[in-house]
Every structure is written in C-alpha cells, then in structure tokens.
PDB file of all heavy atoms in Angstrom:
ATOM      1  N   ASP A   1     -20.263   6.669  17.490  1.00  0.00           N
ATOM      2  CA  ASP A   1     -19.969   5.993  18.689  1.00  0.00           C
ATOM      3  C   ASP A   1     -19.598   4.464  18.418  1.00  0.00           C
ATOM      4  O   ASP A   1     -18.873   3.866  19.269  1.00  0.00           O
ATOM      5  CB  ASP A   1     -21.077   6.020  19.668  1.00  0.00           C
ATOM      6  CG  ASP A   1     -21.496   7.439  19.971  1.00  0.00           C
ATOM      7  OD1 ASP A   1     -20.698   8.172  20.585  1.00  0.00           O
ATOM      8  OD2 ASP A   1     -22.601   7.978  19.531  1.00  0.00           O
ATOM      9  N   TYR A   2     -20.049   3.939  17.346  1.00  0.00           N
ATOM     10  CA  TYR A   2     -19.890   2.561  17.021  1.00  0.00           C
ATOM     11  C   TYR A   2     -19.597   2.445  15.587  1.00  0.00           C
ATOM     12  O   TYR A   2     -20.460   2.856  14.745  1.00  0.00           O
ATOM     13  CB  TYR A   2     -21.032   1.688  17.407  1.00  0.00           C
ATOM     14  CG  TYR A   2     -20.912   0.272  17.789  1.00  0.00           C
ATOM     15  CD1 TYR A   2     -21.804  -0.439  18.549  1.00  0.00           C
ATOM     16  CD2 TYR A   2     -19.720  -0.438  17.318  1.00  0.00           C
ATOM     17  CE1 TYR A   2     -21.611  -1.740  18.900  1.00  0.00           C
ATOM     18  CE2 TYR A   2     -19.571  -1.823  17.619  1.00  0.00           C
ATOM     19  CZ  TYR A   2     -20.462  -2.468  18.452  1.00  0.00           C
ATOM     20  OH  TYR A   2     -20.324  -3.767  18.779  1.00  0.00           O
ATOM     21  N   VAL A   3     -18.479   1.975  15.133  1.00  0.00           N
ATOM     22  CA  VAL A   3     -18.141   1.857  13.730  1.00  0.00           C
ATOM     23  C   VAL A   3     -17.924   0.361  13.451  1.00  0.00           C
ATOM     24  O   VAL A   3     -17.118  -0.332  14.108  1.00  0.00           O
ATOM     25  CB  VAL A   3     -16.829   2.637  13.354  1.00  0.00           C
ATOM     26  CG1 VAL A   3     -16.518   2.419  11.915  1.00  0.00           C
ATOM     27  CG2 VAL A   3     -17.093   4.119  13.664  1.00  0.00           C
ATOM     28  N   GLY A   4     -18.567  -0.220  12.430  1.00  0.00           N
ATOM     29  CA  GLY A   4     -18.444  -1.639  12.190  1.00  0.00           C
ATOM     30  C   GLY A   4     -18.483  -1.883  10.712  1.00  0.00           C
ATOM     31  O   GLY A   4     -19.048  -1.092   9.886  1.00  0.00           O
ATOM     32  N   GLY A   5     -17.823  -3.024  10.341  1.00  0.00           N
ATOM     33  CA  GLY A   5     -17.776  -3.300   8.911  1.00  0.00           C
ATOM     34  C   GLY A   5     -17.518  -4.767   8.705  1.00  0.00           C
ATOM     35  O   GLY A   5     -17.093  -5.510   9.586  1.00  0.00           O
ATOM     36  N   THR A   6     -17.745  -5.171   7.418  1.00  0.00           N
ATOM     37  CA  THR A   6     -17.379  -6.570   7.027  1.00  0.00           C
ATOM     38  C   THR A   6     -16.443  -6.527   5.887  1.00  0.00           C
ATOM     39  O   THR A   6     -16.491  -5.750   5.046  1.00  0.00           O
ATOM     40  CB  THR A   6     -18.753  -7.162   6.484  1.00  0.00           C
ATOM     41  OG1 THR A   6     -19.744  -7.150   7.431  1.00  0.00           O
ATOM     42  CG2 THR A   6     -18.482  -8.604   5.998  1.00  0.00           C
ATOM     43  N   SER A   7     -15.502  -7.436   5.952  1.00  0.00           N
ATOM     44  CA  SER A   7     -14.460  -7.565   4.905  1.00  0.00           C
ATOM     45  C   SER A   7     -13.744  -6.287   4.732  1.00  0.00           C
ATOM     46  O   SER A   7     -13.118  -5.684   5.664  1.00  0.00           O
ATOM     47  CB  SER A   7     -15.100  -8.097   3.563  1.00  0.00           C
ATOM     48  OG  SER A   7     -14.221  -8.329   2.573  1.00  0.00           O
ATOM     49  N   THR A   8     -13.811  -5.672   3.582  1.00  0.00           N
ATOM     50  CA  THR A   8     -13.134  -4.342   3.295  1.00  0.00           C
ATOM     51  C   THR A   8     -13.693  -3.304   4.236  1.00  0.00           C
ATOM     52  O   THR A   8     -12.982  -2.363   4.672  1.00  0.00           O
ATOM     53  CB  THR A   8     -13.259  -3.979   1.737  1.00  0.00           C
ATOM     54  OG1 THR A   8     -12.298  -2.938   1.520  1.00  0.00           O
ATOM     55  CG2 THR A   8     -14.670  -3.505   1.399  1.00  0.00           C
ATOM     56  N   GLY A   9     -15.053  -3.473   4.523  1.00  0.00           N
ATOM     57  CA  GLY A   9     -15.583  -2.486   5.490  1.00  0.00           C
ATOM     58  C   GLY A   9     -15.062  -2.594   6.879  1.00  0.00           C
ATOM     59  O   GLY A   9     -14.890  -1.577   7.627  1.00  0.00           O
ATOM     60  N   ALA A  10     -14.591  -3.836   7.273  1.00  0.00           N
ATOM     61  CA  ALA A  10     -13.874  -3.979   8.546  1.00  0.00           C
ATOM     62  C   ALA A  10     -12.560  -3.395   8.622  1.00  0.00           C
ATOM     63  O   ALA A  10     -12.115  -2.820   9.619  1.00  0.00           O
ATOM     64  CB  ALA A  10     -13.843  -5.512   8.887  1.00  0.00           C
ATOM     65  N   ILE A  11     -11.843  -3.436   7.473  1.00  0.00           N
ATOM     66  CA  ILE A  11     -10.551  -2.736   7.404  1.00  0.00           C
ATOM     67  C   ILE A  11     -10.717  -1.313   7.656  1.00  0.00           C
ATOM     68  O   ILE A  11      -9.983  -0.575   8.361  1.00  0.00           O
ATOM     69  CB  ILE A  11      -9.876  -3.110   6.070  1.00  0.00           C
ATOM     70  CG1 ILE A  11      -9.702  -4.559   5.908  1.00  0.00           C
ATOM     71  CG2 ILE A  11      -8.524  -2.312   5.913  1.00  0.00           C
ATOM     72  CD1 ILE A  11      -9.267  -4.994   4.453  1.00  0.00           C
ATOM     73  N   ILE A  12     -11.702  -0.723   6.948  1.00  0.00           N
ATOM     74  CA  ILE A  12     -11.871   0.755   7.020  1.00  0.00           C
ATOM     75  C   ILE A  12     -12.342   1.102   8.435  1.00  0.00           C
ATOM     76  O   ILE A  12     -11.911   2.046   9.007  1.00  0.00           O
ATOM     77  CB  ILE A  12     -12.906   1.116   5.970  1.00  0.00           C
ATOM     78  CG1 ILE A  12     -12.418   0.945   4.560  1.00  0.00           C
ATOM     79  CG2 ILE A  12     -13.297   2.639   6.161  1.00  0.00           C
ATOM     80  CD1 ILE A  12     -13.459   1.151   3.455  1.00  0.00           C
ATOM     81  N   ALA A  13     -13.240   0.286   8.893  1.00  0.00           N
ATOM     82  CA  ALA A  13     -13.788   0.536  10.351  1.00  0.00           C
ATOM     83  C   ALA A  13     -12.659   0.520  11.345  1.00  0.00           C
ATOM     84  O   ALA A  13     -12.574   1.390  12.266  1.00  0.00           O
ATOM     85  CB  ALA A  13     -14.857  -0.490  10.607  1.00  0.00           C
ATOM     86  N   ALA A  14     -11.714  -0.376  11.203  1.00  0.00           N
ATOM     87  CA  ALA A  14     -10.585  -0.552  12.118  1.00  0.00           C
ATOM     88  C   ALA A  14      -9.756   0.734  12.048  1.00  0.00           C
ATOM     89  O   ALA A  14      -9.297   1.255  13.061  1.00  0.00           O
ATOM     90  CB  ALA A  14      -9.760  -1.751  11.819  1.00  0.00           C
ATOM     91  N   GLY A  15      -9.450   1.199  10.892  1.00  0.00           N
ATOM     92  CA  GLY A  15      -8.720   2.498  10.787  1.00  0.00           C
ATOM     93  C   GLY A  15      -9.334   3.668  11.333  1.00  0.00           C
ATOM     94  O   GLY A  15      -8.825   4.487  12.058  1.00  0.00           O
ATOM     95  N   LEU A  16     -10.720   3.782  11.052  1.00  0.00           N
ATOM     96  CA  LEU A  16     -11.478   4.959  11.641  1.00  0.00           C
ATOM     97  C   LEU A  16     -11.548   4.840  13.122  1.00  0.00           C
ATOM     98  O   LEU A  16     -11.326   5.847  13.805  1.00  0.00           O
ATOM     99  CB  LEU A  16     -12.911   4.835  11.060  1.00  0.00           C
ATOM    100  CG  LEU A  16     -13.116   5.071   9.572  1.00  0.00           C
ATOM    101  CD1 LEU A  16     -14.540   4.964   9.185  1.00  0.00           C
ATOM    102  CD2 LEU A  16     -12.542   6.408   9.161  1.00  0.00           C
ATOM    103  N   ALA A  17     -11.709   3.652  13.724  1.00  0.00           N
ATOM    104  CA  ALA A  17     -11.789   3.495  15.179  1.00  0.00           C
ATOM    105  C   ALA A  17     -10.456   3.811  15.881  1.00  0.00           C
ATOM    106  O   ALA A  17     -10.469   4.164  17.018  1.00  0.00           O
ATOM    107  CB  ALA A  17     -12.213   2.105  15.514  1.00  0.00           C
ATOM    108  N   GLN A  18      -9.376   3.728  15.079  1.00  0.00           N
ATOM    109  CA  GLN A  18      -8.047   4.093  15.658  1.00  0.00           C
ATOM    110  C   GLN A  18      -7.804   5.636  15.558  1.00  0.00           C
ATOM    111  O   GLN A  18      -6.814   6.107  16.092  1.00  0.00           O
ATOM    112  CB  GLN A  18      -6.940   3.427  14.883  1.00  0.00           C
ATOM    113  CG  GLN A  18      -6.666   1.969  15.376  1.00  0.00           C
ATOM    114  CD  GLN A  18      -5.392   1.462  14.834  1.00  0.00           C
ATOM    115  OE1 GLN A  18      -5.096   1.518  13.642  1.00  0.00           O
ATOM    116  NE2 GLN A  18      -4.579   0.912  15.804  1.00  0.00           N
ATOM    117  N   GLY A  19      -8.662   6.315  14.867  1.00  0.00           N
ATOM    118  CA  GLY A  19      -8.533   7.733  14.730  1.00  0.00           C
ATOM    119  C   GLY A  19      -7.923   8.218  13.384  1.00  0.00           C
ATOM    120  O   GLY A  19      -7.646   9.380  13.212  1.00  0.00           O
ATOM    121  N   MET A  20      -7.918   7.334  12.419  1.00  0.00           N
ATOM    122  CA  MET A  20      -7.345   7.719  11.075  1.00  0.00           C
ATOM    123  C   MET A  20      -8.552   8.440  10.392  1.00  0.00           C
ATOM    124  O   MET A  20      -9.673   8.245  10.551  1.00  0.00           O
ATOM    125  CB  MET A  20      -7.017   6.459  10.252  1.00  0.00           C
ATOM    126  CG  MET A  20      -5.790   5.737  10.781  1.00  0.00           C
ATOM    127  SD  MET A  20      -5.493   4.176   9.853  1.00  0.00           S
ATOM    128  CE  MET A  20      -4.896   4.887   8.309  1.00  0.00           C
ATOM    129  N   SER A  21      -8.078   9.373   9.447  1.00  0.00           N
ATOM    130  CA  SER A  21      -9.160  10.131   8.710  1.00  0.00           C
ATOM    131  C   SER A  21      -9.417   9.244   7.404  1.00  0.00           C
ATOM    132  O   SER A  21      -8.662   8.318   7.058  1.00  0.00           O
ATOM    133  CB  SER A  21      -8.506  11.403   8.241  1.00  0.00           C
ATOM    134  OG  SER A  21      -7.477  11.256   7.284  1.00  0.00           O
ATOM    135  N   ALA A  22     -10.460   9.607   6.804  1.00  0.00           N
ATOM    136  CA  ALA A  22     -10.948   8.914   5.592  1.00  0.00           C
ATOM    137  C   ALA A  22      -9.857   9.072   4.516  1.00  0.00           C
ATOM    138  O   ALA A  22      -9.603   8.128   3.697  1.00  0.00           O
ATOM    139  CB  ALA A  22     -12.317   9.396   5.159  1.00  0.00           C
ATOM    140  N   LYS A  23      -9.256  10.277   4.432  1.00  0.00           N
ATOM    141  CA  LYS A  23      -8.193  10.521   3.401  1.00  0.00           C
ATOM    142  C   LYS A  23      -7.012   9.703   3.628  1.00  0.00           C
ATOM    143  O   LYS A  23      -6.360   9.277   2.745  1.00  0.00           O
ATOM    144  CB  LYS A  23      -7.929  12.041   3.361  1.00  0.00           C
ATOM    145  CG  LYS A  23      -9.063  12.858   2.764  1.00  0.00           C
ATOM    146  CD  LYS A  23      -8.724  14.309   2.617  1.00  0.00           C
ATOM    147  CE  LYS A  23      -9.895  15.121   2.055  1.00  0.00           C
ATOM    148  NZ  LYS A  23      -9.574  16.590   1.946  1.00  0.00           N
ATOM    149  N   GLU A  24      -6.649   9.533   4.918  1.00  0.00           N
ATOM    150  CA  GLU A  24      -5.448   8.661   5.234  1.00  0.00           C
ATOM    151  C   GLU A  24      -5.805   7.230   4.841  1.00  0.00           C
ATOM    152  O   GLU A  24      -4.858   6.567   4.297  1.00  0.00           O
ATOM    153  CB  GLU A  24      -5.187   8.731   6.731  1.00  0.00           C
ATOM    154  CG  GLU A  24      -4.571  10.071   7.187  1.00  0.00           C
ATOM    155  CD  GLU A  24      -4.366  10.084   8.782  1.00  0.00           C
ATOM    156  OE1 GLU A  24      -5.299   9.624   9.380  1.00  0.00           O
ATOM    157  OE2 GLU A  24      -3.427  10.667   9.194  1.00  0.00           O
ATOM    158  N   LEU A  25      -6.929   6.755   5.066  1.00  0.00           N
ATOM    159  CA  LEU A  25      -7.315   5.325   4.637  1.00  0.00           C
ATOM    160  C   LEU A  25      -7.342   5.254   3.133  1.00  0.00           C
ATOM    161  O   LEU A  25      -7.015   4.241   2.569  1.00  0.00           O
ATOM    162  CB  LEU A  25      -8.597   5.007   5.349  1.00  0.00           C
ATOM    163  CG  LEU A  25      -8.524   4.573   6.807  1.00  0.00           C
ATOM    164  CD1 LEU A  25      -9.880   4.597   7.437  1.00  0.00           C
ATOM    165  CD2 LEU A  25      -7.865   3.215   6.880  1.00  0.00           C
ATOM    166  N   LEU A  26      -7.775   6.355   2.486  1.00  0.00           N
ATOM    167  CA  LEU A  26      -7.853   6.293   1.052  1.00  0.00           C
ATOM    168  C   LEU A  26      -6.376   6.097   0.448  1.00  0.00           C
ATOM    169  O   LEU A  26      -6.116   5.418  -0.450  1.00  0.00           O
ATOM    170  CB  LEU A  26      -8.446   7.582   0.502  1.00  0.00           C
ATOM    171  CG  LEU A  26      -8.814   7.676  -0.937  1.00  0.00           C
ATOM    172  CD1 LEU A  26      -9.711   6.579  -1.367  1.00  0.00           C
ATOM    173  CD2 LEU A  26      -9.479   9.059  -1.308  1.00  0.00           C
ATOM    174  N   ALA A  27      -5.473   6.822   1.014  1.00  0.00           N
ATOM    175  CA  ALA A  27      -4.030   6.741   0.622  1.00  0.00           C
ATOM    176  C   ALA A  27      -3.524   5.321   0.883  1.00  0.00           C
ATOM    177  O   ALA A  27      -2.775   4.739   0.051  1.00  0.00           O
ATOM    178  CB  ALA A  27      -3.197   7.757   1.308  1.00  0.00           C
ATOM    179  N   PHE A  28      -3.937   4.765   1.990  1.00  0.00           N
ATOM    180  CA  PHE A  28      -3.490   3.296   2.346  1.00  0.00           C
ATOM    181  C   PHE A  28      -4.097   2.362   1.346  1.00  0.00           C
ATOM    182  O   PHE A  28      -3.393   1.482   0.919  1.00  0.00           O
ATOM    183  CB  PHE A  28      -4.067   2.962   3.789  1.00  0.00           C
ATOM    184  CG  PHE A  28      -4.002   1.500   4.116  1.00  0.00           C
ATOM    185  CD1 PHE A  28      -2.767   0.881   4.338  1.00  0.00           C
ATOM    186  CD2 PHE A  28      -5.117   0.820   4.166  1.00  0.00           C
ATOM    187  CE1 PHE A  28      -2.720  -0.423   4.698  1.00  0.00           C
ATOM    188  CE2 PHE A  28      -5.072  -0.535   4.511  1.00  0.00           C
ATOM    189  CZ  PHE A  28      -3.882  -1.147   4.716  1.00  0.00           C
ATOM    190  N   TYR A  29      -5.352   2.561   0.917  1.00  0.00           N
ATOM    191  CA  TYR A  29      -5.946   1.641  -0.037  1.00  0.00           C
ATOM    192  C   TYR A  29      -5.226   1.790  -1.378  1.00  0.00           C
ATOM    193  O   TYR A  29      -5.027   0.789  -2.063  1.00  0.00           O
ATOM    194  CB  TYR A  29      -7.410   1.901  -0.181  1.00  0.00           C
ATOM    195  CG  TYR A  29      -8.312   0.987   0.651  1.00  0.00           C
ATOM    196  CD1 TYR A  29      -8.247   0.905   2.026  1.00  0.00           C
ATOM    197  CD2 TYR A  29      -9.181   0.131  -0.018  1.00  0.00           C
ATOM    198  CE1 TYR A  29      -8.934   0.046   2.729  1.00  0.00           C
ATOM    199  CE2 TYR A  29      -9.976  -0.808   0.727  1.00  0.00           C
ATOM    200  CZ  TYR A  29      -9.861  -0.785   2.111  1.00  0.00           C
ATOM    201  OH  TYR A  29     -10.553  -1.722   2.813  1.00  0.00           O
ATOM    202  N   GLN A  30      -4.960   3.032  -1.776  1.00  0.00           N
ATOM    203  CA  GLN A  30      -4.281   3.189  -3.121  1.00  0.00           C
ATOM    204  C   GLN A  30      -2.903   2.476  -3.149  1.00  0.00           C
ATOM    205  O   GLN A  30      -2.513   1.881  -4.144  1.00  0.00           O
ATOM    206  CB  GLN A  30      -4.152   4.644  -3.397  1.00  0.00           C
ATOM    207  CG  GLN A  30      -5.486   5.261  -3.772  1.00  0.00           C
ATOM    208  CD  GLN A  30      -5.301   6.671  -4.205  1.00  0.00           C
ATOM    209  OE1 GLN A  30      -5.048   7.577  -3.365  1.00  0.00           O
ATOM    210  NE2 GLN A  30      -5.505   6.999  -5.507  1.00  0.00           N
ATOM    211  N   LYS A  31      -2.232   2.454  -1.988  1.00  0.00           N
ATOM    212  CA  LYS A  31      -0.923   1.862  -1.858  1.00  0.00           C
ATOM    213  C   LYS A  31      -0.962   0.371  -1.728  1.00  0.00           C
ATOM    214  O   LYS A  31      -0.244  -0.388  -2.368  1.00  0.00           O
ATOM    215  CB  LYS A  31      -0.150   2.511  -0.747  1.00  0.00           C
ATOM    216  CG  LYS A  31       1.244   1.905  -0.517  1.00  0.00           C
ATOM    217  CD  LYS A  31       1.941   2.521   0.692  1.00  0.00           C
ATOM    218  CE  LYS A  31       3.292   1.819   0.942  1.00  0.00           C
ATOM    219  NZ  LYS A  31       3.967   2.421   2.157  1.00  0.00           N
ATOM    220  N   THR A  32      -1.865  -0.098  -0.801  1.00  0.00           N
ATOM    221  CA  THR A  32      -1.869  -1.482  -0.395  1.00  0.00           C
ATOM    222  C   THR A  32      -3.021  -2.333  -1.025  1.00  0.00           C
ATOM    223  O   THR A  32      -2.928  -3.529  -0.993  1.00  0.00           O
ATOM    224  CB  THR A  32      -1.958  -1.579   1.144  1.00  0.00           C
ATOM    225  OG1 THR A  32      -1.030  -0.642   1.708  1.00  0.00           O
ATOM    226  CG2 THR A  32      -1.583  -3.009   1.694  1.00  0.00           C
ATOM    227  N   GLY A  33      -3.942  -1.666  -1.638  1.00  0.00           N
ATOM    228  CA  GLY A  33      -5.111  -2.394  -2.168  1.00  0.00           C
ATOM    229  C   GLY A  33      -4.765  -3.523  -3.148  1.00  0.00           C
ATOM    230  O   GLY A  33      -5.372  -4.574  -3.002  1.00  0.00           O
ATOM    231  N   PRO A  34      -3.914  -3.284  -4.064  1.00  0.00           N
ATOM    232  CA  PRO A  34      -3.499  -4.443  -4.976  1.00  0.00           C
ATOM    233  C   PRO A  34      -3.009  -5.639  -4.253  1.00  0.00           C
ATOM    234  O   PRO A  34      -3.329  -6.766  -4.610  1.00  0.00           O
ATOM    235  CB  PRO A  34      -2.465  -3.753  -5.887  1.00  0.00           C
ATOM    236  CG  PRO A  34      -2.808  -2.297  -5.933  1.00  0.00           C
ATOM    237  CD  PRO A  34      -3.312  -2.027  -4.538  1.00  0.00           C
ATOM    238  N   ALA A  35      -2.259  -5.433  -3.166  1.00  0.00           N
ATOM    239  CA  ALA A  35      -1.696  -6.580  -2.443  1.00  0.00           C
ATOM    240  C   ALA A  35      -2.819  -7.317  -1.645  1.00  0.00           C
ATOM    241  O   ALA A  35      -2.677  -8.483  -1.440  1.00  0.00           O
ATOM    242  CB  ALA A  35      -0.656  -6.088  -1.443  1.00  0.00           C
ATOM    243  N   MET A  36      -3.863  -6.556  -1.253  1.00  0.00           N
ATOM    244  CA  MET A  36      -4.941  -7.173  -0.469  1.00  0.00           C
ATOM    245  C   MET A  36      -5.996  -7.807  -1.425  1.00  0.00           C
ATOM    246  O   MET A  36      -6.562  -8.823  -1.017  1.00  0.00           O
ATOM    247  CB  MET A  36      -5.620  -6.146   0.390  1.00  0.00           C
ATOM    248  CG  MET A  36      -4.706  -5.603   1.516  1.00  0.00           C
ATOM    249  SD  MET A  36      -5.688  -4.627   2.740  1.00  0.00           S
ATOM    250  CE  MET A  36      -6.193  -3.191   1.832  1.00  0.00           C
ATOM    251  N   PHE A  37      -6.226  -7.243  -2.569  1.00  0.00           N
ATOM    252  CA  PHE A  37      -7.451  -7.687  -3.331  1.00  0.00           C
ATOM    253  C   PHE A  37      -7.185  -8.175  -4.772  1.00  0.00           C
ATOM    254  O   PHE A  37      -8.130  -8.629  -5.365  1.00  0.00           O
ATOM    255  CB  PHE A  37      -8.433  -6.518  -3.390  1.00  0.00           C
ATOM    256  CG  PHE A  37      -8.908  -6.075  -2.004  1.00  0.00           C
ATOM    257  CD1 PHE A  37      -8.509  -4.833  -1.538  1.00  0.00           C
ATOM    258  CD2 PHE A  37      -9.655  -6.926  -1.241  1.00  0.00           C
ATOM    259  CE1 PHE A  37      -8.938  -4.386  -0.362  1.00  0.00           C
ATOM    260  CE2 PHE A  37     -10.033  -6.450   0.079  1.00  0.00           C
ATOM    261  CZ  PHE A  37      -9.731  -5.254   0.509  1.00  0.00           C
ATOM    262  N   ASP A  38      -5.934  -8.086  -5.232  1.00  0.00           N
ATOM    263  CA  ASP A  38      -5.750  -8.412  -6.624  1.00  0.00           C
ATOM    264  C   ASP A  38      -5.715 -10.046  -6.695  1.00  0.00           C
ATOM    265  O   ASP A  38      -4.984 -10.696  -6.047  1.00  0.00           O
ATOM    266  CB  ASP A  38      -4.413  -7.961  -7.073  1.00  0.00           C
ATOM    267  CG  ASP A  38      -4.189  -8.082  -8.595  1.00  0.00           C
ATOM    268  OD1 ASP A  38      -5.187  -8.423  -9.230  1.00  0.00           O
ATOM    269  OD2 ASP A  38      -3.080  -7.848  -9.040  1.00  0.00           O
ATOM    270  N   LYS A  39      -6.649 -10.559  -7.607  1.00  0.00           N
ATOM    271  CA  LYS A  39      -6.696 -11.993  -7.766  1.00  0.00           C
ATOM    272  C   LYS A  39      -5.401 -12.531  -8.268  1.00  0.00           C
ATOM    273  O   LYS A  39      -4.758 -12.036  -9.198  1.00  0.00           O
ATOM    274  CB  LYS A  39      -7.849 -12.301  -8.698  1.00  0.00           C
ATOM    275  CG  LYS A  39      -8.174 -13.828  -8.719  1.00  0.00           C
ATOM    276  CD  LYS A  39      -9.275 -14.098  -9.689  1.00  0.00           C
ATOM    277  CE  LYS A  39     -10.587 -13.415  -9.290  1.00  0.00           C
ATOM    278  NZ  LYS A  39     -11.715 -13.694 -10.171  1.00  0.00           N
ATOM    279  N   GLN A  40      -4.903 -13.641  -7.643  1.00  0.00           N
ATOM    280  CA  GLN A  40      -3.627 -14.156  -8.027  1.00  0.00           C
ATOM    281  C   GLN A  40      -3.815 -15.472  -8.875  1.00  0.00           C
ATOM    282  O   GLN A  40      -4.812 -16.120  -8.777  1.00  0.00           O
ATOM    283  CB  GLN A  40      -2.836 -14.528  -6.795  1.00  0.00           C
ATOM    284  CG  GLN A  40      -2.628 -13.366  -5.825  1.00  0.00           C
ATOM    285  CD  GLN A  40      -1.975 -13.787  -4.575  1.00  0.00           C
ATOM    286  OE1 GLN A  40      -0.886 -14.307  -4.515  1.00  0.00           O
ATOM    287  NE2 GLN A  40      -2.688 -13.573  -3.483  1.00  0.00           N
ATOM    288  N   PHE A  41      -2.783 -15.727  -9.681  1.00  0.00           N
ATOM    289  CA  PHE A  41      -2.765 -16.977 -10.393  1.00  0.00           C
ATOM    290  C   PHE A  41      -2.640 -18.092  -9.462  1.00  0.00           C
ATOM    291  O   PHE A  41      -2.093 -17.958  -8.388  1.00  0.00           O
ATOM    292  CB  PHE A  41      -1.591 -16.961 -11.445  1.00  0.00           C
ATOM    293  CG  PHE A  41      -1.878 -15.970 -12.542  1.00  0.00           C
ATOM    294  CD1 PHE A  41      -1.094 -14.783 -12.613  1.00  0.00           C
ATOM    295  CD2 PHE A  41      -2.854 -16.204 -13.505  1.00  0.00           C
ATOM    296  CE1 PHE A  41      -1.289 -13.922 -13.625  1.00  0.00           C
ATOM    297  CE2 PHE A  41      -3.023 -15.218 -14.550  1.00  0.00           C
ATOM    298  CZ  PHE A  41      -2.237 -14.088 -14.523  1.00  0.00           C
TER     299      PHE A  41
END
C-alpha cells in the first residue's frame, strides 16, 4: 500500500508505484544505470 525509498531506492519505488514490474525496472537499470551512477572525471 505504501512504497518508499531513498536515492536509488526512490527511483525503484517510483517505478513500482507507477505499476512497473521489478523485471522492467531491472532492464531500465541495466540500460540507464551507467548514466545515473558512473563516477565522472
């Protein structure tokens, strides 16, 4: 009934609250994860 998260947990929570499946979010992370979390020079 209530999904909440912090940082990366908030991203996942937002997707779940919209009705996305965990597997859909897993595919999103594999595709977009480097752009969100890769440390830059």
